[in-house]
C-alpha atoms as a PDB file:
ATOM      1  CA  MET A   1      63.274  99.834 162.105  1.00  0.00           C
ATOM      2  CA  SER A   2      62.057 102.307 164.658  1.00  0.00           C
ATOM      3  CA  GLU A   3      64.276 103.942 167.141  1.00  0.00           C
ATOM      4  CA  LYS A   4      64.102 103.683 170.854  1.00  0.00           C
ATOM      5  CA  LYS A   5      63.893 107.145 172.722  1.00  0.00           C
ATOM      6  CA  LEU A   6      67.116 106.908 175.216  1.00  0.00           C
ATOM      7  CA  GLU A   7      65.560 108.799 178.423  1.00  0.00           C
ATOM      8  CA  LEU A   8      68.468 109.548 181.009  1.00  0.00           C
ATOM      9  CA  ASP A   9      67.859 110.760 184.587  1.00  0.00           C
ATOM     10  CA  PHE A  10      70.770 112.493 185.421  1.00  0.00           C
ATOM     11  CA  ASN A  11      69.790 113.199 188.884  1.00  0.00           C
ATOM     12  CA  THR A  12      69.921 109.570 189.491  1.00  0.00           C
ATOM     13  CA  PHE A  13      72.909 109.070 187.909  1.00  0.00           C
ATOM     14  CA  VAL A  14      74.285 111.721 189.801  1.00  0.00           C
ATOM     15  CA  GLU A  15      73.455 109.799 193.043  1.00  0.00           C
ATOM     16  CA  GLN A  16      74.744 106.574 191.846  1.00  0.00           C
ATOM     17  CA  MET A  17      77.959 107.431 190.641  1.00  0.00           C
ATOM     18  CA  SER A  18      78.855 109.331 193.435  1.00  0.00           C
ATOM     19  CA  ARG A  19      78.131 106.479 195.734  1.00  0.00           C
ATOM     20  CA  LEU A  20      80.138 103.965 193.395  1.00  0.00           C
ATOM     21  CA  ILE A  21      83.294 106.285 193.687  1.00  0.00           C
ATOM     22  CA  ASP A  22      82.663 107.208 197.172  1.00  0.00           C
ATOM     23  CA  LEU A  23      82.345 111.043 196.290  1.00  0.00           C
ATOM     24  CA  LYS A  24      81.199 113.144 199.023  1.00  0.00           C
ATOM     25  CA  LEU A  25      79.007 115.375 196.972  1.00  0.00           C
ATOM     26  CA  ARG A  26      77.564 118.199 198.947  1.00  0.00           C
ATOM     27  CA  ASP A  27      73.708 118.908 198.233  1.00  0.00           C
ATOM     28  CA  GLU A  28      74.614 122.824 197.276  1.00  0.00           C
ATOM     29  CA  TYR A  29      76.715 121.363 194.583  1.00  0.00           C
ATOM     30  CA  ARG A  30      74.483 118.490 193.402  1.00  0.00           C
ATOM     31  CA  ALA A  31      72.084 120.663 191.220  1.00  0.00           C
ATOM     32  CA  GLY A  32      75.071 122.283 189.390  1.00  0.00           C
ATOM     33  CA  VAL A  33      76.778 118.987 188.861  1.00  0.00           C
ATOM     34  CA  THR A  34      73.416 117.787 187.507  1.00  0.00           C
ATOM     35  CA  GLU A  35      73.277 120.335 185.090  1.00  0.00           C
ATOM     36  CA  ASN A  36      76.548 120.276 183.659  1.00  0.00           C
ATOM     37  CA  LEU A  37      76.243 116.616 182.893  1.00  0.00           C
ATOM     38  CA  GLU A  38      73.212 117.573 180.924  1.00  0.00           C
ATOM     39  CA  ARG A  39      74.968 120.209 178.997  1.00  0.00           C
ATOM     40  CA  ILE A  40      78.165 117.708 178.223  1.00  0.00           C
ATOM     41  CA  TYR A  41      75.611 115.214 176.945  1.00  0.00           C
ATOM     42  CA  THR A  42      73.826 117.545 174.657  1.00  0.00           C
ATOM     43  CA  GLN A  43      77.146 118.624 173.180  1.00  0.00           C
ATOM     44  CA  ALA A  44      78.264 114.913 172.703  1.00  0.00           C
ATOM     45  CA  LYS A  45      74.951 114.112 171.123  1.00  0.00           C
ATOM     46  CA  LEU A  46      75.838 116.898 168.353  1.00  0.00           C
ATOM     47  CA  VAL A  47      78.731 115.269 167.842  1.00  0.00           C
ATOM     48  CA  ASN A  48      77.954 111.798 167.658  1.00  0.00           C
ATOM     49  CA  GLU A  49      74.976 112.655 165.369  1.00  0.00           C
ATOM     50  CA  PHE A  50      77.252 114.638 163.110  1.00  0.00           C
ATOM     51  CA  GLU A  51      77.420 112.715 159.856  1.00  0.00           C
ATOM     52  CA  LEU A  52      80.767 112.130 158.299  1.00  0.00           C
ATOM     53  CA  PRO A  53      81.236 111.134 154.538  1.00  0.00           C
ATOM     54  CA  GLU A  54      82.382 107.385 153.923  1.00  0.00           C
ATOM     55  CA  ASN A  55      85.223 108.171 152.227  1.00  0.00           C
ATOM     56  CA  MET A  56      86.593 110.763 154.798  1.00  0.00           C
ATOM     57  CA  GLU A  57      90.223 110.127 155.757  1.00  0.00           C
ATOM     58  CA  VAL A  58      90.421 108.917 159.351  1.00  0.00           C
ATOM     59  CA  PHE A  59      93.813 110.845 160.108  1.00  0.00           C
ATOM     60  CA  GLY A  60      95.761 113.338 158.693  1.00  0.00           C
ATOM     61  CA  LYS A  61      99.416 113.021 157.996  1.00  0.00           C
ATOM     62  CA  PHE A  62     101.485 115.666 159.894  1.00  0.00           C
ATOM     63  CA  GLU A  63     104.793 116.934 157.894  1.00  0.00           C
ATOM     64  CA  PRO A  64     106.298 119.725 159.348  1.00  0.00           C
END
């Protein structure tokens, strides 16, 4: 099965989301917001792609 490569347009995303939540985003900040969103996406992608072994414990048990 072939994987589709997801292409994201962060400029469009920032524009649409700012309208959706009625955020008055000034033009001088728009590029910085977009760059930070791209960085967050890159970091989250690394975390999500990290393979964990099937037998890994889901959570630890804290005992003081």
